[in-house]
Amino acid sequence: MPQLYCWLVALADSYDGFLIDLDGVVWLGHEPIEGAAKAIAALAAAGKPFVFVTNSPRVTPAEQARILREQGIEADEDRVVTAGDTLLELTRKEIGEAGKVYAIGTSGFLEQVEGAGFQLLPAERWQEAEAVLVTGHPRFDYDELKAASMAARAGAFLATIGRDPTMPMPDGLWPGTGSIVAAVEAASGRTAVVAGKPERPIFDLGVRRLGLPEGARVAMIGDRLDTDVGGAQKAGLEGILVAGNESHNPETQVTPNHNISSLLDLTD
């Protein structure tokens, strides 16, 4: 036991800061995972900066921060980085300010799109779309698939938060954004640009939010080998895999820098 305790303390102390995934690490469908709040409080007490980095834009960063606070985790909006943030940055570069967008997603994500200054189009006006943005939500239907695929086929910029085919929930793995993206791509013959994990922009944004000096040692903690660990390693960070809620492709050829059973393993 003393040897194990020393290893756990050394693991947290060997990094200057952390990017922490939410789904499968801190919560499951916004239901808190036991010990997560305690572990994050210990990181804060030790002076280890951390930022939450998630591919899920189901609710706005401000709302996700509010839910975290309700679970006893101190967080403000700036401490939550979503793939929705990087998706909107990417879209703005492609079509400019106030462009016309057809978006698939929850009411929280659609609110974020409008809040960024884009003109949000209904499905029947797909012909006007300059960009099609795809995220996951539980009421995805044929009309959305039709509008998104036809707009993309007509030349609209097609982008998504990520390709995770599933997402961890309390009762198991639910279909994720990647499943919806696959349908849009199949129907349109187009390939979507990915703005979230495992692509680098979201990791770079998370590191900037940490406010650490150049050369600081940062680790991404997540439950997916492909998007969390593999994406972090490609971005020049280290990747720590939380076992137990994995929803990654078992064929993924990625080796995490560390395996832990929960966030508590960082600080014991």
Protein backbone atom coordinates (compact mmCIF):
# COMPACT_ATOMS: atom_id res chain seq x y z
CA MET A 1 0.00 0.00 0.00
CA PRO A 2 2.75 2.59 0.78
CA GLN A 3 4.30 1.98 -2.65
CA LEU A 4 0.90 2.44 -4.36
CA TYR A 5 0.25 5.64 -2.41
CA CYS A 6 3.58 7.12 -3.50
CA TRP A 7 2.85 6.29 -7.14
CA LEU A 8 -0.56 7.98 -6.99
CA VAL A 9 0.82 11.18 -5.49
CA ALA A 10 3.70 11.17 -7.99
CA LEU A 11 1.26 10.85 -10.91
CA ALA A 12 -0.53 14.12 -10.09
CA ASP A 13 2.71 15.85 -9.14
CA SER A 14 4.39 14.93 -12.42
CA TYR A 15 2.12 17.30 -14.39
CA ASP A 16 1.73 21.07 -14.35
CA GLY A 17 -1.92 21.03 -15.43
CA PHE A 18 -4.74 18.88 -16.72
CA LEU A 19 -7.39 18.83 -19.43
CA ILE A 20 -10.29 16.74 -18.11
CA ASP A 21 -13.02 15.14 -20.21
CA LEU A 22 -16.54 15.26 -18.79
CA ASP A 23 -18.57 12.35 -20.22
CA GLY A 24 -17.32 9.11 -18.72
CA VAL A 25 -14.84 10.85 -16.40
CA VAL A 26 -16.71 13.44 -14.32
CA TRP A 27 -20.28 12.38 -15.09
CA LEU A 28 -22.48 10.00 -17.05
CA GLY A 29 -25.32 11.90 -18.69
CA HIS A 30 -24.79 14.66 -16.10
CA GLU A 31 -25.07 12.09 -13.29
CA PRO A 32 -21.91 12.57 -11.18
CA ILE A 33 -19.32 9.80 -11.05
CA GLU A 34 -18.42 8.92 -7.48
CA GLY A 35 -15.22 10.57 -6.27
CA ALA A 36 -14.84 12.99 -9.19
CA ALA A 37 -15.65 16.11 -7.18
CA LYS A 38 -13.32 15.04 -4.37
CA ALA A 39 -10.45 14.40 -6.80
CA ILE A 40 -10.90 17.72 -8.59
CA ALA A 41 -11.01 19.55 -5.25
CA ALA A 42 -7.71 17.87 -4.36
CA LEU A 43 -6.16 19.05 -7.64
CA ALA A 44 -7.30 22.60 -6.88
CA ALA A 45 -5.91 22.41 -3.35
CA ALA A 46 -2.58 21.24 -4.76
CA GLY A 47 -2.48 24.24 -7.09
CA LYS A 48 -2.86 22.16 -10.26
CA PRO A 49 -4.76 24.15 -12.92
CA PHE A 50 -7.37 22.23 -14.89
CA VAL A 51 -9.86 22.85 -17.68
CA PHE A 52 -12.75 20.65 -18.76
CA VAL A 53 -12.55 19.71 -22.45
CA THR A 54 -15.52 17.96 -24.01
CA ASN A 55 -16.82 17.14 -27.46
CA SER A 56 -20.37 17.55 -26.18
CA PRO A 57 -22.16 20.84 -26.87
CA ARG A 58 -25.52 19.49 -25.66
CA VAL A 59 -25.73 22.48 -23.34
CA THR A 60 -23.75 25.72 -23.38
CA PRO A 61 -20.43 26.05 -21.52
CA ALA A 62 -22.17 28.31 -19.00
CA GLU A 63 -24.82 25.65 -18.32
CA GLN A 64 -22.21 22.89 -18.04
CA ALA A 65 -20.32 25.03 -15.53
CA ARG A 66 -23.54 25.49 -13.53
CA ILE A 67 -24.11 21.71 -13.43
CA LEU A 68 -20.53 21.18 -12.28
CA ARG A 69 -21.03 23.67 -9.45
CA GLU A 70 -24.21 21.84 -8.40
CA GLN A 71 -22.07 18.71 -8.10
CA GLY A 72 -19.62 20.48 -5.83
CA ILE A 73 -17.01 21.31 -8.48
CA GLU A 74 -15.91 24.91 -8.70
CA ALA A 75 -16.13 25.95 -12.34
CA ASP A 76 -17.02 29.00 -14.35
CA GLU A 77 -17.78 29.26 -18.06
CA ASP A 78 -14.13 29.88 -18.99
CA ARG A 79 -13.14 26.58 -17.42
CA VAL A 80 -15.34 24.60 -19.85
CA VAL A 81 -14.09 24.17 -23.43
CA THR A 82 -16.49 22.43 -25.80
CA ALA A 83 -16.09 21.29 -29.38
CA GLY A 84 -18.91 23.73 -30.06
CA ASP A 85 -16.45 26.56 -29.33
CA THR A 86 -13.90 25.34 -31.87
CA LEU A 87 -16.62 24.41 -34.37
CA LEU A 88 -17.94 27.97 -34.37
CA GLU A 89 -14.41 29.41 -34.67
CA LEU A 90 -13.78 27.18 -37.67
CA THR A 91 -17.10 28.11 -39.26
CA ARG A 92 -16.44 31.82 -38.82
CA LYS A 93 -13.15 31.42 -40.69
CA GLU A 94 -14.93 29.62 -43.54
CA ILE A 95 -18.05 31.76 -44.08
CA GLY A 96 -17.34 34.94 -42.16
CA GLU A 97 -19.38 36.76 -39.55
CA ALA A 98 -23.18 36.42 -39.53
CA GLY A 99 -23.20 33.69 -42.19
CA LYS A 100 -26.25 31.50 -42.81
CA VAL A 101 -26.06 28.16 -41.03
CA TYR A 102 -28.15 25.01 -40.90
CA ALA A 103 -27.35 23.23 -37.65
CA ILE A 104 -28.29 19.88 -36.12
CA GLY A 105 -28.16 19.77 -32.34
CA THR A 106 -29.79 20.40 -29.00
CA SER A 107 -31.46 23.67 -28.10
CA GLY A 108 -28.34 24.53 -26.09
CA PHE A 109 -26.10 24.16 -29.13
CA LEU A 110 -28.49 26.10 -31.38
CA GLU A 111 -28.48 28.86 -28.78
CA GLN A 112 -24.69 28.89 -28.92
CA VAL A 113 -24.77 29.18 -32.74
CA GLU A 114 -27.11 32.17 -32.61
CA GLY A 115 -25.13 33.70 -29.77
CA ALA A 116 -22.04 33.60 -31.99
CA GLY A 117 -23.83 35.85 -34.50
CA PHE A 118 -24.75 33.33 -37.20
CA GLN A 119 -28.13 33.27 -38.95
CA LEU A 120 -29.76 29.99 -38.00
CA LEU A 121 -31.89 28.54 -40.81
CA PRO A 122 -34.91 26.21 -40.55
CA ALA A 123 -34.82 22.95 -42.50
CA GLU A 124 -37.04 24.25 -45.31
CA ARG A 125 -34.47 26.96 -46.15
CA TRP A 126 -31.53 24.57 -46.57
CA GLN A 127 -30.81 26.04 -50.04
CA GLU A 128 -29.55 29.24 -48.38
CA ALA A 129 -27.10 27.50 -46.06
CA GLU A 130 -23.43 28.47 -46.33
CA ALA A 131 -22.50 25.93 -43.65
CA VAL A 132 -23.97 22.75 -42.17
CA LEU A 133 -22.97 22.03 -38.56
CA VAL A 134 -23.64 18.56 -37.16
CA THR A 135 -23.81 17.61 -33.48
CA GLY A 136 -25.73 14.91 -31.66
CA HIS A 137 -29.16 15.13 -30.09
CA PRO A 138 -31.84 12.58 -29.19
CA ARG A 139 -34.53 13.86 -31.60
CA PHE A 140 -32.51 13.63 -34.83
CA ASP A 141 -34.94 12.83 -37.65
CA TYR A 142 -35.27 12.33 -41.39
CA ASP A 143 -36.10 15.98 -42.11
CA GLU A 144 -32.84 17.04 -40.49
CA LEU A 145 -30.91 14.41 -42.43
CA LYS A 146 -32.54 15.56 -45.67
CA ALA A 147 -31.84 19.27 -45.12
CA ALA A 148 -28.25 18.73 -43.94
CA SER A 149 -27.29 16.31 -46.71
CA MET A 150 -28.89 18.37 -49.50
CA ALA A 151 -27.24 21.59 -48.31
CA ALA A 152 -23.87 19.83 -48.09
CA ARG A 153 -24.34 18.26 -51.51
CA ALA A 154 -25.09 21.74 -52.88
CA GLY A 155 -21.72 22.97 -51.63
CA ALA A 156 -22.26 24.21 -48.09
CA PHE A 157 -19.31 23.88 -45.70
CA LEU A 158 -19.86 20.67 -43.71
CA ALA A 159 -18.37 20.37 -40.22
CA THR A 160 -18.95 18.48 -36.99
CA ILE A 161 -17.76 18.41 -33.41
CA GLY A 162 -16.42 14.86 -33.70
CA ARG A 163 -16.83 11.28 -34.84
CA ASP A 164 -17.45 9.48 -31.55
CA PRO A 165 -19.99 6.80 -32.61
CA THR A 166 -21.22 6.35 -29.03
CA MET A 167 -21.44 8.27 -25.77
CA PRO A 168 -21.39 6.81 -22.23
CA MET A 169 -24.65 7.15 -20.28
CA PRO A 170 -25.84 5.63 -16.98
CA ASP A 171 -27.58 2.74 -18.74
CA GLY A 172 -24.87 2.05 -21.33
CA LEU A 173 -23.58 3.47 -24.62
CA TRP A 174 -25.95 5.70 -26.59
CA PRO A 175 -25.46 6.62 -30.27
CA GLY A 176 -23.15 9.63 -30.47
CA THR A 177 -22.56 12.45 -32.92
CA GLY A 178 -20.41 10.20 -35.11
CA SER A 179 -23.44 8.07 -35.93
CA ILE A 180 -25.37 11.12 -37.13
CA VAL A 181 -22.37 12.47 -39.06
CA ALA A 182 -22.02 9.11 -40.81
CA ALA A 183 -25.62 9.36 -42.01
CA VAL A 184 -25.16 12.91 -43.33
CA GLU A 185 -21.92 11.95 -45.09
CA ALA A 186 -23.49 8.88 -46.65
CA ALA A 187 -26.47 10.87 -47.93
CA SER A 188 -24.45 13.83 -49.22
CA GLY A 189 -21.31 12.17 -50.53
CA ARG A 190 -19.28 14.73 -48.58
CA THR A 191 -16.77 14.35 -45.75
CA ALA A 192 -17.23 16.57 -42.71
CA VAL A 193 -14.42 18.62 -41.19
CA VAL A 194 -13.91 17.74 -37.50
CA ALA A 195 -13.52 20.61 -35.02
CA GLY A 196 -13.33 18.66 -31.75
CA LYS A 197 -11.28 15.82 -30.36
CA PRO A 198 -9.13 14.17 -31.69
CA GLU A 199 -8.21 17.22 -33.79
CA ARG A 200 -5.65 19.64 -32.39
CA PRO A 201 -7.60 22.96 -32.15
CA ILE A 202 -9.65 21.95 -29.12
CA PHE A 203 -6.56 20.77 -27.23
CA ASP A 204 -4.72 23.98 -28.07
CA LEU A 205 -7.67 26.04 -26.81
CA GLY A 206 -7.76 24.03 -23.60
CA VAL A 207 -4.04 24.53 -23.00
CA ARG A 208 -4.39 28.28 -23.59
CA ARG A 209 -7.15 28.40 -20.98
CA LEU A 210 -4.79 26.79 -18.44
CA GLY A 211 -2.56 29.86 -18.65
CA LEU A 212 0.63 27.89 -18.13
CA PRO A 213 4.03 28.93 -19.50
CA GLU A 214 5.35 27.35 -22.68
CA GLY A 215 6.88 23.96 -22.06
CA ALA A 216 4.56 23.07 -19.18
CA ARG A 217 3.72 19.40 -18.89
CA VAL A 218 -0.01 18.87 -19.49
CA ALA A 219 -2.06 15.68 -19.60
CA MET A 220 -5.49 15.00 -21.07
CA ILE A 221 -7.66 12.70 -18.93
CA GLY A 222 -10.41 10.89 -20.83
CA ASP A 223 -12.30 7.65 -21.33
CA ARG A 224 -11.59 7.21 -25.05
CA LEU A 225 -8.32 5.95 -26.48
CA ASP A 226 -8.96 7.35 -29.95
CA THR A 227 -10.25 10.87 -29.31
CA ASP A 228 -8.98 11.71 -25.81
CA VAL A 229 -5.65 9.90 -25.46
CA GLY A 230 -4.66 9.63 -29.11
CA GLY A 231 -5.74 13.17 -29.91
CA ALA A 232 -3.83 14.56 -26.95
CA GLN A 233 -0.67 12.70 -27.87
CA LYS A 234 -0.84 14.00 -31.45
CA ALA A 235 -1.19 17.52 -30.01
CA GLY A 236 2.02 17.10 -28.02
CA LEU A 237 0.35 16.31 -24.68
CA GLU A 238 0.21 13.14 -22.62
CA GLY A 239 -2.92 11.01 -22.35
CA ILE A 240 -4.35 9.34 -19.26
CA LEU A 241 -7.11 6.76 -19.78
CA VAL A 242 -9.87 6.33 -17.23
CA ALA A 243 -10.89 2.69 -17.42
CA GLY A 244 -14.37 1.32 -16.88
CA ASN A 245 -16.49 3.58 -19.07
CA GLU A 246 -14.52 3.17 -22.28
CA SER A 247 -16.49 3.76 -25.46
CA HIS A 248 -13.55 3.72 -27.84
CA ASN A 249 -13.01 1.53 -30.86
CA PRO A 250 -11.28 -1.61 -29.50
CA GLU A 251 -9.13 -1.69 -32.64
CA THR A 252 -7.58 1.70 -31.83
CA GLN A 253 -3.80 1.39 -31.74
CA VAL A 254 -3.07 3.92 -29.00
CA THR A 255 -1.13 3.37 -25.78
CA PRO A 256 -2.00 5.74 -22.92
CA ASN A 257 0.77 7.25 -20.84
CA HIS A 258 -1.12 6.07 -17.75
CA ASN A 259 -4.21 4.01 -16.93
CA ILE A 260 -6.35 4.92 -13.92
CA SER A 261 -9.66 3.58 -12.62
CA SER A 262 -11.03 7.03 -11.68
CA LEU A 263 -9.92 10.60 -11.06
CA LEU A 264 -9.29 9.66 -7.44
CA ASP A 265 -6.23 7.74 -8.62
CA LEU A 266 -4.53 11.05 -9.39
CA THR A 267 -4.57 12.21 -5.79
CA ASP A 268 -5.80 9.28 -3.67
